[in-house]
Amino acid sequence: MARSITPRRKTLNTSLAWAVGLLIFFPILWTVLTSFKTEAQAIASPPIFLNFDWTLENYAIVQERSDYMRFLWNSVIIAGGSTLLGIVIAVPAAWSMAFVPSKRTKDILLWMLSTKMLPAVGVLYPIYLLFIQMGLLDTRIGLTIVLMLINLPIIIWMLYTYFREIPVEILEAARMDGASLREEILFVLTPMAIPGIASTVLLNIILAWNEAFWTLNLTAAKAAPLTAFIASYSSPEGLFYAKLSAASTMAIAPILILGWFSQKQLVRGLTFGAVK
């Protein structure tokens, strides 16, 4: 018999959840507020929270100094392209591991996950040289491939988990009705796993959008995404905090809006199969 939650315990849990949420949200709020300050107000001590002269000067300077739309378009292409390519590769791989497992399936999954523990700087030099030889340095195609590869283990793991929740009898019934392998994956498995696939797509877009190490090391100007756009506001003389905050706000705004409008689908996908 389930134990009921007392009103006091419920209030405590709610307060704790709000406290954690505000703690996580505060850096974003502070960045947005700083973007509307002057440089003097941004570095004031003690910090100024709301009592300052609001200004759009930083956004105007950022727009004049940098081609924001070019950086934004690069981020959209790279994040979207790496996600699409990753899903195309991961769906058949996850299907194979979930429905046609071998004795080494778990070992393969653990090996793929272990690659995420490898320090990126450890493979930067060979990849950099490889990109120079192949003409992929500072290109959208090259960065799309790299981001797809570094996020592929997570995509396969997530899809594998979702596919494991789908009864294998449904796929067997489709085969008995004459469905080919391609039809089984496209018209039977994929529609049933849409919540899981959608949450995987959203998570991968966020990871690719926020990736900074590879974008800063493998791009210069042509294919530079918004992470490079933010980094351009640091200089040997120091950081321009107000302008950096304006650039950061412009960079995170699209992905925050996407996350806000798709949060229901994201939560649904992340809890897919948790309750039967």
Protein backbone atom coordinates (compact mmCIF):
# COMPACT_ATOMS: atom_id res chain seq x y z
CA MET A 1 0.00 0.00 0.00
CA ALA A 2 1.44 3.36 -1.04
CA ARG A 3 2.29 5.74 1.77
CA SER A 4 0.61 9.14 1.47
CA ILE A 5 2.69 12.30 1.52
CA THR A 6 1.89 14.65 4.39
CA PRO A 7 1.17 18.34 3.63
CA ARG A 8 4.33 19.32 5.51
CA ARG A 9 6.47 16.93 3.47
CA LYS A 10 4.83 18.13 0.26
CA THR A 11 5.56 21.78 1.13
CA LEU A 12 9.16 20.90 1.96
CA ASN A 13 9.63 19.04 -1.34
CA THR A 14 8.09 21.92 -3.30
CA SER A 15 10.28 24.49 -1.56
CA LEU A 16 13.38 22.40 -2.19
CA ALA A 17 12.48 22.00 -5.87
CA TRP A 18 12.00 25.77 -6.24
CA ALA A 19 15.31 26.44 -4.47
CA VAL A 20 17.20 24.09 -6.78
CA GLY A 21 15.44 25.53 -9.84
CA LEU A 22 16.27 29.11 -8.88
CA LEU A 23 19.88 28.13 -8.14
CA ILE A 24 20.23 26.67 -11.62
CA PHE A 25 18.42 29.57 -13.29
CA PHE A 26 20.27 32.38 -11.48
CA PRO A 27 23.43 32.37 -13.70
CA ILE A 28 21.24 32.73 -16.79
CA LEU A 29 19.27 35.55 -15.18
CA TRP A 30 22.47 37.31 -14.10
CA THR A 31 23.91 37.04 -17.63
CA VAL A 32 20.77 38.56 -19.15
CA LEU A 33 20.70 41.40 -16.61
CA THR A 34 24.42 42.13 -17.12
CA SER A 35 23.86 42.42 -20.86
CA PHE A 36 21.73 45.53 -20.20
CA LYS A 37 24.36 47.25 -18.02
CA THR A 38 27.26 49.48 -18.91
CA GLU A 39 30.76 48.04 -18.54
CA ALA A 40 31.28 50.07 -15.36
CA GLN A 41 28.05 48.75 -13.85
CA ALA A 42 28.90 45.18 -14.92
CA ILE A 43 32.09 45.14 -12.83
CA ALA A 44 30.75 47.24 -9.94
CA SER A 45 31.46 46.05 -6.40
CA PRO A 46 29.20 45.26 -4.67
CA PRO A 47 27.27 43.92 -7.67
CA ILE A 48 24.25 45.85 -8.90
CA PHE A 49 21.20 43.64 -9.32
CA LEU A 50 18.26 45.69 -10.60
CA ASN A 51 19.04 49.31 -9.70
CA PHE A 52 20.97 50.29 -12.82
CA ASP A 53 20.47 52.26 -16.03
CA TRP A 54 19.14 49.81 -18.58
CA THR A 55 20.75 50.14 -22.00
CA LEU A 56 20.71 48.35 -25.36
CA GLU A 57 24.14 49.71 -26.26
CA ASN A 58 25.87 46.34 -25.81
CA TYR A 59 23.50 44.62 -28.24
CA ALA A 60 24.01 47.40 -30.79
CA ILE A 61 27.81 47.11 -30.49
CA VAL A 62 27.66 43.32 -30.80
CA GLN A 63 25.52 43.60 -33.93
CA GLU A 64 27.90 46.15 -35.47
CA ARG A 65 31.04 44.20 -34.62
CA SER A 66 29.90 40.70 -35.61
CA ASP A 67 27.63 39.12 -38.21
CA TYR A 68 25.34 37.41 -35.72
CA MET A 69 23.12 35.81 -38.34
CA ARG A 70 26.11 34.06 -39.96
CA PHE A 71 27.14 32.52 -36.64
CA LEU A 72 23.52 31.57 -35.93
CA TRP A 73 23.10 29.94 -39.33
CA ASN A 74 26.32 27.95 -38.84
CA SER A 75 25.05 26.71 -35.45
CA VAL A 76 21.71 25.68 -36.95
CA ILE A 77 23.34 23.77 -39.81
CA ILE A 78 26.00 22.08 -37.66
CA ALA A 79 23.70 21.14 -34.76
CA GLY A 80 20.86 20.07 -37.05
CA GLY A 81 23.13 18.22 -39.48
CA SER A 82 25.03 16.32 -36.79
CA THR A 83 21.74 15.34 -35.12
CA LEU A 84 20.12 14.13 -38.34
CA LEU A 85 23.21 12.17 -39.37
CA GLY A 86 23.51 10.69 -35.88
CA ILE A 87 19.88 9.54 -35.84
CA VAL A 88 20.21 7.92 -39.27
CA ILE A 89 23.17 5.87 -38.03
CA ALA A 90 21.93 5.26 -34.48
CA VAL A 91 18.43 3.93 -35.23
CA PRO A 92 19.62 0.78 -37.09
CA ALA A 93 22.44 0.29 -34.57
CA ALA A 94 20.09 0.56 -31.59
CA TRP A 95 17.54 -1.71 -33.32
CA SER A 96 20.21 -4.36 -33.83
CA MET A 97 21.38 -4.23 -30.21
CA ALA A 98 17.86 -4.16 -28.77
CA PHE A 99 16.20 -6.87 -30.89
CA VAL A 100 19.07 -8.96 -32.24
CA PRO A 101 21.54 -8.89 -29.32
CA SER A 102 24.71 -10.93 -29.23
CA LYS A 103 26.84 -12.07 -26.33
CA ARG A 104 29.00 -8.98 -26.79
CA THR A 105 26.20 -6.39 -27.04
CA LYS A 106 26.61 -5.12 -23.49
CA ASP A 107 30.38 -4.99 -23.91
CA ILE A 108 29.97 -2.94 -27.08
CA LEU A 109 27.59 -0.54 -25.34
CA LEU A 110 30.00 -0.08 -22.45
CA TRP A 111 32.89 0.43 -24.85
CA MET A 112 30.96 3.11 -26.75
CA LEU A 113 30.09 4.87 -23.51
CA SER A 114 33.71 4.69 -22.35
CA THR A 115 34.77 6.77 -25.36
CA LYS A 116 32.96 9.72 -23.76
CA MET A 117 35.47 9.54 -20.90
CA LEU A 118 38.39 10.13 -23.25
CA PRO A 119 39.80 13.68 -22.88
CA ALA A 120 39.05 15.51 -26.10
CA VAL A 121 42.45 17.16 -26.12
CA GLY A 122 44.03 13.69 -26.34
CA VAL A 123 42.75 13.22 -29.91
CA LEU A 124 42.77 16.84 -31.02
CA TYR A 125 46.17 16.72 -32.74
CA PRO A 126 45.52 13.68 -35.00
CA ILE A 127 42.04 14.93 -35.90
CA TYR A 128 43.44 18.39 -36.66
CA LEU A 129 46.08 16.94 -38.98
CA LEU A 130 43.48 14.67 -40.60
CA PHE A 131 41.21 17.63 -41.24
CA ILE A 132 44.05 19.58 -42.86
CA GLN A 133 44.84 16.66 -45.18
CA MET A 134 41.17 16.18 -46.12
CA GLY A 135 40.41 19.88 -46.52
CA LEU A 136 37.78 19.80 -43.76
CA LEU A 137 39.32 22.40 -41.46
CA ASP A 138 36.98 25.36 -40.86
CA THR A 139 34.10 23.73 -42.75
CA ARG A 140 30.55 22.97 -41.69
CA ILE A 141 30.85 19.42 -43.02
CA GLY A 142 33.91 18.66 -40.93
CA LEU A 143 32.44 20.04 -37.73
CA THR A 144 29.14 18.27 -38.38
CA ILE A 145 30.95 14.93 -38.68
CA VAL A 146 32.98 15.50 -35.50
CA LEU A 147 29.98 16.52 -33.39
CA MET A 148 27.99 13.58 -34.73
CA LEU A 149 30.77 11.16 -33.75
CA ILE A 150 31.29 12.51 -30.24
CA ASN A 151 27.54 12.42 -29.49
CA LEU A 152 26.81 9.13 -31.27
CA PRO A 153 27.40 6.91 -28.18
CA ILE A 154 24.79 8.88 -26.21
CA ILE A 155 22.30 8.74 -29.10
CA ILE A 156 22.70 4.97 -29.46
CA TRP A 157 22.44 4.41 -25.70
CA MET A 158 19.25 6.46 -25.43
CA LEU A 159 17.59 4.85 -28.45
CA TYR A 160 18.64 1.39 -27.24
CA THR A 161 16.95 2.08 -23.90
CA TYR A 162 13.75 3.24 -25.60
CA PHE A 163 13.67 0.36 -28.07
CA ARG A 164 14.04 -2.16 -25.24
CA GLU A 165 10.66 -0.99 -23.90
CA ILE A 166 8.88 -1.93 -27.13
CA PRO A 167 7.46 -5.50 -27.13
CA VAL A 168 9.34 -7.64 -29.63
CA GLU A 169 6.09 -9.45 -30.45
CA ILE A 170 4.89 -6.39 -32.36
CA LEU A 171 7.90 -6.52 -34.66
CA GLU A 172 7.49 -10.29 -35.09
CA ALA A 173 3.86 -9.75 -36.11
CA ALA A 174 4.98 -7.20 -38.71
CA ARG A 175 7.46 -9.72 -40.14
CA MET A 176 4.75 -12.37 -40.34
CA ASP A 177 2.66 -9.89 -42.32
CA GLY A 178 5.48 -9.61 -44.83
CA ALA A 179 7.21 -6.41 -43.66
CA SER A 180 10.80 -6.05 -44.81
CA LEU A 181 13.57 -4.91 -42.47
CA ARG A 182 13.34 -1.37 -43.80
CA GLU A 183 9.56 -1.29 -43.41
CA GLU A 184 9.83 -2.76 -39.92
CA ILE A 185 12.16 0.03 -38.79
CA LEU A 186 10.46 2.90 -40.65
CA PHE A 187 6.77 2.05 -40.31
CA VAL A 188 6.54 -0.04 -37.14
CA LEU A 189 9.43 0.71 -34.79
CA THR A 190 9.95 4.41 -35.47
CA PRO A 191 6.32 5.55 -34.94
CA MET A 192 6.15 3.64 -31.66
CA ALA A 193 9.40 5.20 -30.42
CA ILE A 194 8.63 8.78 -31.50
CA PRO A 195 8.71 10.17 -27.91
CA GLY A 196 12.10 8.60 -27.27
CA ILE A 197 13.50 9.65 -30.65
CA ALA A 198 12.21 13.21 -30.17
CA SER A 199 13.85 13.57 -26.76
CA THR A 200 17.09 12.13 -28.17
CA VAL A 201 17.00 14.63 -31.04
CA LEU A 202 16.40 17.54 -28.67
CA LEU A 203 19.18 16.48 -26.31
CA ASN A 204 21.66 16.04 -29.16
CA ILE A 205 20.79 19.45 -30.61
CA ILE A 206 21.48 21.01 -27.21
CA LEU A 207 24.80 19.16 -26.86
CA ALA A 208 25.91 20.12 -30.37
CA TRP A 209 24.75 23.71 -29.93
CA ASN A 210 26.74 24.13 -26.70
CA GLU A 211 29.91 22.34 -27.85
CA ALA A 212 32.85 24.71 -27.51
CA PHE A 213 36.09 22.71 -27.52
CA TRP A 214 35.86 21.33 -31.06
CA THR A 215 34.23 24.41 -32.54
CA LEU A 216 36.98 26.68 -31.23
CA ASN A 217 39.80 24.39 -32.37
CA LEU A 218 38.50 23.27 -35.77
CA THR A 219 37.02 26.52 -37.05
CA ALA A 220 38.37 29.99 -37.69
CA ALA A 221 35.89 32.19 -39.56
CA LYS A 222 33.85 30.48 -42.27
CA ALA A 223 32.19 27.73 -40.20
CA ALA A 224 32.39 29.35 -36.75
CA PRO A 225 29.14 28.81 -34.75
CA LEU A 226 27.76 30.79 -31.82
CA THR A 227 30.25 29.34 -29.33
CA ALA A 228 33.02 31.02 -31.32
CA PHE A 229 30.86 34.15 -31.46
CA ILE A 230 30.87 34.26 -27.64
CA ALA A 231 34.59 33.53 -27.36
CA SER A 232 35.39 36.47 -29.64
CA TYR A 233 34.45 38.85 -26.82
CA SER A 234 37.48 37.95 -24.71
CA SER A 235 40.76 39.70 -25.41
CA PRO A 236 44.32 39.83 -24.06
CA GLU A 237 43.35 43.03 -22.24
CA GLY A 238 40.54 41.29 -20.37
CA LEU A 239 36.87 40.47 -20.65
CA PHE A 240 34.23 42.96 -21.66
CA TYR A 241 31.61 41.60 -19.29
CA ALA A 242 28.58 43.55 -20.50
CA LYS A 243 29.28 42.88 -24.18
CA LEU A 244 30.18 39.26 -23.43
CA SER A 245 26.87 38.88 -21.59
CA ALA A 246 25.00 40.39 -24.54
CA ALA A 247 26.72 37.99 -26.94
CA SER A 248 25.99 35.05 -24.60
CA THR A 249 22.33 36.02 -24.32
CA MET A 250 22.01 36.20 -28.11
CA ALA A 251 23.72 32.80 -28.42
CA ILE A 252 21.63 30.93 -25.84
CA ALA A 253 18.29 32.56 -26.66
CA PRO A 254 17.41 30.27 -29.62
CA ILE A 255 18.18 27.04 -27.76
CA LEU A 256 16.35 28.28 -24.63
CA ILE A 257 13.28 29.07 -26.71
CA LEU A 258 13.47 25.65 -28.38
CA GLY A 259 13.79 23.94 -24.99
CA TRP A 260 10.90 25.94 -23.55
CA PHE A 261 8.47 25.06 -26.33
CA SER A 262 9.56 21.41 -26.48
CA GLN A 263 9.86 20.73 -22.74
CA LYS A 264 6.68 18.66 -22.69
CA GLN A 265 7.97 16.40 -25.46
CA LEU A 266 11.40 16.22 -23.82
CA VAL A 267 10.01 15.14 -20.45
CA ARG A 268 7.68 12.67 -22.14
CA GLY A 269 10.58 11.13 -24.02
CA LEU A 270 12.89 10.96 -21.02
CA THR A 271 10.21 9.11 -19.04
CA PHE A 272 9.23 6.88 -21.97
CA GLY A 273 8.79 3.35 -20.68
CA ALA A 274 9.22 4.33 -17.04
CA VAL A 275 5.55 3.67 -16.25
CA LYS A 276 3.75 0.71 -17.77
